[in-house]
Amino acid sequence: MTIQLQQIIGVSKKNPYFTICRNESTPRNIYVYFGAALMEVVPEDKSNPEFKLLIARLYNAGVKAKSITEEFGT
C-alpha cells in the first residue's frame, strides 16, 4: 500500500527540519515529519488540544506565522 502525501508546510531557512503533510486517503489528519521520521499524527480539528499544541510548536520552532495562518487559518 502506498501513501500519497501532500506537503502543507515544507522546510525553509528558519525551519530546516519539520515537514507538515496531509494524506489524501485520510484528509482529516496532519502528519508531522522531523527529517525523514514520522513524529506525530494530529487530527485537523481546531477545537482539538493536540492541534492547538501543534500550531504552537510550529510557531516556537520558527515556522513563519504567515505560513501557519495561510494553511490552518488560526
PDB file of N, CA and C in Angstrom:
ATOM      1  N   MET A   1       0.843  -1.174   0.000  1.00  0.00           N
ATOM      2  CA  MET A   1       0.000   0.000   0.000  1.00  0.00           C
ATOM      3  C   MET A   1       0.892   1.241   0.000  1.00  0.00           C
ATOM      4  N   THR A   2       0.660   2.136  -0.940  1.00  0.00           N
ATOM      5  CA  THR A   2       1.429   3.373  -0.988  1.00  0.00           C
ATOM      6  C   THR A   2       0.622   4.503  -0.372  1.00  0.00           C
ATOM      7  N   ILE A   3       1.316   5.397   0.272  1.00  0.00           N
ATOM      8  CA  ILE A   3       0.679   6.548   0.899  1.00  0.00           C
ATOM      9  C   ILE A   3       1.022   7.778   0.080  1.00  0.00           C
ATOM     10  N   GLN A   4       0.006   8.512  -0.338  1.00  0.00           N
ATOM     11  CA  GLN A   4       0.195   9.738  -1.098  1.00  0.00           C
ATOM     12  C   GLN A   4       0.106  10.919  -0.146  1.00  0.00           C
ATOM     13  N   LEU A   5       1.218  11.593   0.089  1.00  0.00           N
ATOM     14  CA  LEU A   5       1.244  12.732   0.995  1.00  0.00           C
ATOM     15  C   LEU A   5       1.289  14.030   0.205  1.00  0.00           C
ATOM     16  N   GLN A   6       0.534  15.002   0.665  1.00  0.00           N
ATOM     17  CA  GLN A   6       0.547  16.340   0.090  1.00  0.00           C
ATOM     18  C   GLN A   6       1.237  17.248   1.102  1.00  0.00           C
ATOM     19  N   GLN A   7       2.316  17.871   0.683  1.00  0.00           N
ATOM     20  CA  GLN A   7       3.062  18.740   1.595  1.00  0.00           C
ATOM     21  C   GLN A   7       2.291  20.028   1.845  1.00  0.00           C
ATOM     22  N   ILE A   8       2.128  20.389   3.119  1.00  0.00           N
ATOM     23  CA  ILE A   8       1.449  21.626   3.501  1.00  0.00           C
ATOM     24  C   ILE A   8       2.483  22.706   3.767  1.00  0.00           C
ATOM     25  N   ILE A   9       3.386  22.425   4.685  1.00  0.00           N
ATOM     26  CA  ILE A   9       4.466  23.351   5.022  1.00  0.00           C
ATOM     27  C   ILE A   9       5.768  22.576   4.923  1.00  0.00           C
ATOM     28  N   GLY A  10       6.675  23.073   4.103  1.00  0.00           N
ATOM     29  CA  GLY A  10       7.946  22.391   3.916  1.00  0.00           C
ATOM     30  C   GLY A  10       9.063  23.053   4.691  1.00  0.00           C
ATOM     31  N   VAL A  11      10.262  22.611   4.408  1.00  0.00           N
ATOM     32  CA  VAL A  11      11.428  23.149   5.096  1.00  0.00           C
ATOM     33  C   VAL A  11      11.802  24.504   4.506  1.00  0.00           C
ATOM     34  N   SER A  12      12.462  25.322   5.310  1.00  0.00           N
ATOM     35  CA  SER A  12      12.953  26.631   4.882  1.00  0.00           C
ATOM     36  C   SER A  12      14.206  26.954   5.690  1.00  0.00           C
ATOM     37  N   LYS A  13      14.748  28.150   5.503  1.00  0.00           N
ATOM     38  CA  LYS A  13      15.940  28.532   6.267  1.00  0.00           C
ATOM     39  C   LYS A  13      15.683  28.512   7.767  1.00  0.00           C
ATOM     40  N   LYS A  14      14.527  29.037   8.179  1.00  0.00           N
ATOM     41  CA  LYS A  14      14.214  29.093   9.606  1.00  0.00           C
ATOM     42  C   LYS A  14      13.712  27.749  10.131  1.00  0.00           C
ATOM     43  N   ASN A  15      13.203  26.910   9.244  1.00  0.00           N
ATOM     44  CA  ASN A  15      12.639  25.623   9.638  1.00  0.00           C
ATOM     45  C   ASN A  15      13.261  24.519   8.775  1.00  0.00           C
ATOM     46  N   PRO A  16      14.492  24.102   9.083  1.00  0.00           N
ATOM     47  CA  PRO A  16      15.148  23.121   8.218  1.00  0.00           C
ATOM     48  C   PRO A  16      14.767  21.666   8.482  1.00  0.00           C
ATOM     49  N   TYR A  17      13.924  21.394   9.468  1.00  0.00           N
ATOM     50  CA  TYR A  17      13.682  20.007   9.863  1.00  0.00           C
ATOM     51  C   TYR A  17      12.242  19.531   9.725  1.00  0.00           C
ATOM     52  N   PHE A  18      11.258  20.362  10.040  1.00  0.00           N
ATOM     53  CA  PHE A  18       9.867  19.924  10.083  1.00  0.00           C
ATOM     54  C   PHE A  18       9.208  20.001   8.712  1.00  0.00           C
ATOM     55  N   THR A  19       8.485  18.949   8.353  1.00  0.00           N
ATOM     56  CA  THR A  19       7.651  18.926   7.158  1.00  0.00           C
ATOM     57  C   THR A  19       6.259  18.512   7.597  1.00  0.00           C
ATOM     58  N   ILE A  20       5.256  19.266   7.173  1.00  0.00           N
ATOM     59  CA  ILE A  20       3.870  19.012   7.552  1.00  0.00           C
ATOM     60  C   ILE A  20       3.123  18.562   6.300  1.00  0.00           C
ATOM     61  N   CYS A  21       2.429  17.414   6.394  1.00  0.00           N
ATOM     62  CA  CYS A  21       1.764  16.830   5.228  1.00  0.00           C
ATOM     63  C   CYS A  21       0.347  16.390   5.568  1.00  0.00           C
ATOM     64  N   ARG A  22      -0.434  16.194   4.498  1.00  0.00           N
ATOM     65  CA  ARG A  22      -1.748  15.554   4.590  1.00  0.00           C
ATOM     66  C   ARG A  22      -1.706  14.297   3.740  1.00  0.00           C
ATOM     67  N   ASN A  23      -2.434  13.291   4.168  1.00  0.00           N
ATOM     68  CA  ASN A  23      -2.584  12.060   3.403  1.00  0.00           C
ATOM     69  C   ASN A  23      -3.910  12.152   2.665  1.00  0.00           C
ATOM     70  N   GLU A  24      -3.900  11.917   1.360  1.00  0.00           N
ATOM     71  CA  GLU A  24      -5.116  12.034   0.568  1.00  0.00           C
ATOM     72  C   GLU A  24      -6.201  11.050   1.001  1.00  0.00           C
ATOM     73  N   SER A  25      -5.816   9.894   1.528  1.00  0.00           N
ATOM     74  CA  SER A  25      -6.815   8.906   1.936  1.00  0.00           C
ATOM     75  C   SER A  25      -7.431   9.226   3.296  1.00  0.00           C
ATOM     76  N   THR A  26      -6.737   9.991   4.130  1.00  0.00           N
ATOM     77  CA  THR A  26      -7.277  10.429   5.427  1.00  0.00           C
ATOM     78  C   THR A  26      -7.056  11.936   5.562  1.00  0.00           C
ATOM     79  N   PRO A  27      -7.859  12.749   4.884  1.00  0.00           N
ATOM     80  CA  PRO A  27      -7.606  14.197   4.830  1.00  0.00           C
ATOM     81  C   PRO A  27      -7.818  14.932   6.146  1.00  0.00           C
ATOM     82  N   ARG A  28      -8.368  14.299   7.143  1.00  0.00           N
ATOM     83  CA  ARG A  28      -8.608  14.978   8.422  1.00  0.00           C
ATOM     84  C   ARG A  28      -7.454  14.833   9.400  1.00  0.00           C
ATOM     85  N   ASN A  29      -6.361  14.245   8.953  1.00  0.00           N
ATOM     86  CA  ASN A  29      -5.181  14.089   9.799  1.00  0.00           C
ATOM     87  C   ASN A  29      -4.014  14.869   9.217  1.00  0.00           C
ATOM     88  N   ILE A  30      -3.162  15.367  10.097  1.00  0.00           N
ATOM     89  CA  ILE A  30      -1.946  16.066   9.696  1.00  0.00           C
ATOM     90  C   ILE A  30      -0.770  15.214  10.148  1.00  0.00           C
ATOM     91  N   TYR A  31       0.173  14.990   9.242  1.00  0.00           N
ATOM     92  CA  TYR A  31       1.350  14.181   9.518  1.00  0.00           C
ATOM     93  C   TYR A  31       2.543  15.108   9.688  1.00  0.00           C
ATOM     94  N   VAL A  32       3.223  14.990  10.815  1.00  0.00           N
ATOM     95  CA  VAL A  32       4.366  15.839  11.128  1.00  0.00           C
ATOM     96  C   VAL A  32       5.624  14.985  11.038  1.00  0.00           C
ATOM     97  N   TYR A  33       6.526  15.375  10.148  1.00  0.00           N
ATOM     98  CA  TYR A  33       7.795  14.674   9.973  1.00  0.00           C
ATOM     99  C   TYR A  33       8.928  15.539  10.488  1.00  0.00           C
ATOM    100  N   PHE A  34       9.827  14.926  11.219  1.00  0.00           N
ATOM    101  CA  PHE A  34      11.059  15.568  11.660  1.00  0.00           C
ATOM    102  C   PHE A  34      12.164  14.908  10.864  1.00  0.00           C
ATOM    103  N   GLY A  35      12.654  15.590   9.845  1.00  0.00           N
ATOM    104  CA  GLY A  35      13.567  14.958   8.896  1.00  0.00           C
ATOM    105  C   GLY A  35      12.782  13.935   8.098  1.00  0.00           C
ATOM    106  N   ALA A  36      13.212  12.684   8.135  1.00  0.00           N
ATOM    107  CA  ALA A  36      12.508  11.619   7.422  1.00  0.00           C
ATOM    108  C   ALA A  36      11.643  10.765   8.342  1.00  0.00           C
ATOM    109  N   ALA A  37      11.646  11.072   9.634  1.00  0.00           N
ATOM    110  CA  ALA A  37      10.909  10.264  10.610  1.00  0.00           C
ATOM    111  C   ALA A  37       9.544  10.875  10.907  1.00  0.00           C
ATOM    112  N   LEU A  38       8.532  10.025  10.916  1.00  0.00           N
ATOM    113  CA  LEU A  38       7.191  10.471  11.298  1.00  0.00           C
ATOM    114  C   LEU A  38       7.193  10.746  12.789  1.00  0.00           C
ATOM    115  N   MET A  39       6.930  11.998  13.147  1.00  0.00           N
ATOM    116  CA  MET A  39       6.962  12.382  14.558  1.00  0.00           C
ATOM    117  C   MET A  39       5.606  12.203  15.214  1.00  0.00           C
ATOM    118  N   GLU A  40       4.534  12.651  14.528  1.00  0.00           N
ATOM    119  CA  GLU A  40       3.196  12.511  15.104  1.00  0.00           C
ATOM    120  C   GLU A  40       2.135  12.666  14.027  1.00  0.00           C
ATOM    121  N   VAL A  41       0.943  12.166  14.341  1.00  0.00           N
ATOM    122  CA  VAL A  41      -0.239  12.337  13.507  1.00  0.00           C
ATOM    123  C   VAL A  41      -1.269  13.051  14.372  1.00  0.00           C
ATOM    124  N   VAL A  42      -1.741  14.202  13.883  1.00  0.00           N
ATOM    125  CA  VAL A  42      -2.637  15.054  14.661  1.00  0.00           C
ATOM    126  C   VAL A  42      -3.929  15.252  13.878  1.00  0.00           C
ATOM    127  N   PRO A  43      -5.098  15.123  14.529  1.00  0.00           N
ATOM    128  CA  PRO A  43      -6.352  15.399  13.835  1.00  0.00           C
ATOM    129  C   PRO A  43      -6.464  16.886  13.504  1.00  0.00           C
ATOM    130  N   GLU A  44      -6.921  17.184  12.291  1.00  0.00           N
ATOM    131  CA  GLU A  44      -7.076  18.579  11.870  1.00  0.00           C
ATOM    132  C   GLU A  44      -8.444  19.087  12.318  1.00  0.00           C
ATOM    133  N   ASP A  45      -8.537  19.395  13.592  1.00  0.00           N
ATOM    134  CA  ASP A  45      -9.756  19.898  14.214  1.00  0.00           C
ATOM    135  C   ASP A  45      -9.345  21.046  15.124  1.00  0.00           C
ATOM    136  N   LYS A  46      -9.777  22.252  14.791  1.00  0.00           N
ATOM    137  CA  LYS A  46      -9.330  23.443  15.517  1.00  0.00           C
ATOM    138  C   LYS A  46      -9.689  23.428  16.993  1.00  0.00           C
ATOM    139  N   SER A  47     -10.659  22.629  17.391  1.00  0.00           N
ATOM    140  CA  SER A  47     -11.023  22.563  18.807  1.00  0.00           C
ATOM    141  C   SER A  47     -10.233  21.488  19.560  1.00  0.00           C
ATOM    142  N   ASN A  48      -9.461  20.693  18.845  1.00  0.00           N
ATOM    143  CA  ASN A  48      -8.676  19.620  19.448  1.00  0.00           C
ATOM    144  C   ASN A  48      -7.409  20.197  20.091  1.00  0.00           C
ATOM    145  N   PRO A  49      -7.131  19.867  21.356  1.00  0.00           N
ATOM    146  CA  PRO A  49      -5.930  20.384  22.028  1.00  0.00           C
ATOM    147  C   PRO A  49      -4.624  19.974  21.339  1.00  0.00           C
ATOM    148  N   GLU A  50      -4.583  18.766  20.761  1.00  0.00           N
ATOM    149  CA  GLU A  50      -3.377  18.330  20.054  1.00  0.00           C
ATOM    150  C   GLU A  50      -3.080  19.241  18.870  1.00  0.00           C
ATOM    151  N   PHE A  51      -4.125  19.637  18.152  1.00  0.00           N
ATOM    152  CA  PHE A  51      -3.970  20.536  17.009  1.00  0.00           C
ATOM    153  C   PHE A  51      -3.438  21.893  17.467  1.00  0.00           C
ATOM    154  N   LYS A  52      -3.999  22.413  18.549  1.00  0.00           N
ATOM    155  CA  LYS A  52      -3.559  23.710  19.079  1.00  0.00           C
ATOM    156  C   LYS A  52      -2.102  23.657  19.521  1.00  0.00           C
ATOM    157  N   LEU A  53      -1.712  22.553  20.149  1.00  0.00           N
ATOM    158  CA  LEU A  53      -0.317  22.399  20.567  1.00  0.00           C
ATOM    159  C   LEU A  53       0.619  22.275  19.368  1.00  0.00           C
ATOM    160  N   LEU A  54       0.161  21.619  18.304  1.00  0.00           N
ATOM    161  CA  LEU A  54       0.964  21.524  17.087  1.00  0.00           C
ATOM    162  C   LEU A  54       1.229  22.913  16.518  1.00  0.00           C
ATOM    163  N   ILE A  55       0.194  23.739  16.443  1.00  0.00           N
ATOM    164  CA  ILE A  55       0.352  25.101  15.926  1.00  0.00           C
ATOM    165  C   ILE A  55       1.357  25.867  16.785  1.00  0.00           C
ATOM    166  N   ALA A  56       1.252  25.736  18.094  1.00  0.00           N
ATOM    167  CA  ALA A  56       2.179  26.423  18.999  1.00  0.00           C
ATOM    168  C   ALA A  56       3.610  25.913  18.815  1.00  0.00           C
ATOM    169  N   ARG A  57       3.779  24.597  18.663  1.00  0.00           N
ATOM    170  CA  ARG A  57       5.123  24.037  18.469  1.00  0.00           C
ATOM    171  C   ARG A  57       5.736  24.503  17.155  1.00  0.00           C
ATOM    172  N   LEU A  58       4.916  24.574  16.108  1.00  0.00           N
ATOM    173  CA  LEU A  58       5.425  25.058  14.823  1.00  0.00           C
ATOM    174  C   LEU A  58       5.889  26.502  14.936  1.00  0.00           C
ATOM    175  N   TYR A  59       5.089  27.319  15.596  1.00  0.00           N
ATOM    176  CA  TYR A  59       5.449  28.729  15.776  1.00  0.00           C
ATOM    177  C   TYR A  59       6.740  28.849  16.587  1.00  0.00           C
ATOM    178  N   ASN A  60       6.847  28.105  17.667  1.00  0.00           N
ATOM    179  CA  ASN A  60       8.045  28.147  18.509  1.00  0.00           C
ATOM    180  C   ASN A  60       9.275  27.578  17.801  1.00  0.00           C
ATOM    181  N   ALA A  61       9.066  26.697  16.821  1.00  0.00           N
ATOM    182  CA  ALA A  61      10.180  26.115  16.075  1.00  0.00           C
ATOM    183  C   ALA A  61      10.680  27.037  14.972  1.00  0.00           C
ATOM    184  N   GLY A  62      10.007  28.173  14.773  1.00  0.00           N
ATOM    185  CA  GLY A  62      10.478  29.138  13.787  1.00  0.00           C
ATOM    186  C   GLY A  62       9.755  29.106  12.459  1.00  0.00           C
ATOM    187  N   VAL A  63       8.674  28.342  12.351  1.00  0.00           N
ATOM    188  CA  VAL A  63       7.880  28.360  11.120  1.00  0.00           C
ATOM    189  C   VAL A  63       7.199  29.722  11.032  1.00  0.00           C
ATOM    190  N   LYS A  64       7.194  30.295   9.837  1.00  0.00           N
ATOM    191  CA  LYS A  64       6.614  31.626   9.655  1.00  0.00           C
ATOM    192  C   LYS A  64       5.148  31.629  10.065  1.00  0.00           C
ATOM    193  N   ALA A  65       4.763  32.634  10.835  1.00  0.00           N
ATOM    194  CA  ALA A  65       3.368  32.761  11.272  1.00  0.00           C
ATOM    195  C   ALA A  65       2.443  32.906  10.072  1.00  0.00           C
ATOM    196  N   LYS A  66       2.908  33.570   9.024  1.00  0.00           N
ATOM    197  CA  LYS A  66       2.098  33.744   7.812  1.00  0.00           C
ATOM    198  C   LYS A  66       1.784  32.385   7.173  1.00  0.00           C
ATOM    199  N   SER A  67       2.768  31.497   7.126  1.00  0.00           N
ATOM    200  CA  SER A  67       2.557  30.156   6.562  1.00  0.00           C
ATOM    201  C   SER A  67       1.554  29.364   7.388  1.00  0.00           C
ATOM    202  N   ILE A  68       1.674  29.462   8.703  1.00  0.00           N
ATOM    203  CA  ILE A  68       0.750  28.746   9.589  1.00  0.00           C
ATOM    204  C   ILE A  68      -0.670  29.260   9.392  1.00  0.00           C
ATOM    205  N   THR A  69      -0.820  30.585   9.336  1.00  0.00           N
ATOM    206  CA  THR A  69      -2.144  31.185   9.168  1.00  0.00           C
ATOM    207  C   THR A  69      -2.744  30.836   7.818  1.00  0.00           C
ATOM    208  N   GLU A  70      -1.942  30.867   6.761  1.00  0.00           N
ATOM    209  CA  GLU A  70      -2.449  30.538   5.422  1.00  0.00           C
ATOM    210  C   GLU A  70      -2.935  29.098   5.340  1.00  0.00           C
ATOM    211  N   GLU A  71      -2.213  28.183   5.953  1.00  0.00           N
ATOM    212  CA  GLU A  71      -2.559  26.766   5.842  1.00  0.00           C
ATOM    213  C   GLU A  71      -3.649  26.316   6.801  1.00  0.00           C
ATOM    214  N   PHE A  72      -3.655  26.866   7.999  1.00  0.00           N
ATOM    215  CA  PHE A  72      -4.575  26.377   9.019  1.00  0.00           C
ATOM    216  C   PHE A  72      -5.631  27.390   9.426  1.00  0.00           C
ATOM    217  N   GLY A  73      -5.462  28.646   9.058  1.00  0.00           N
ATOM    218  CA  GLY A  73      -6.457  29.666   9.368  1.00  0.00           C
ATOM    219  C   GLY A  73      -6.598  29.976  10.837  1.00  0.00           C
ATOM    220  N   THR A  74      -5.545  29.775  11.615  1.00  0.00           N
ATOM    221  CA  THR A  74      -5.624  30.043  13.048  1.00  0.00           C
ATOM    222  C   THR A  74      -4.986  31.362  13.380  1.00  0.00           C
TER     223      THR A  74
END
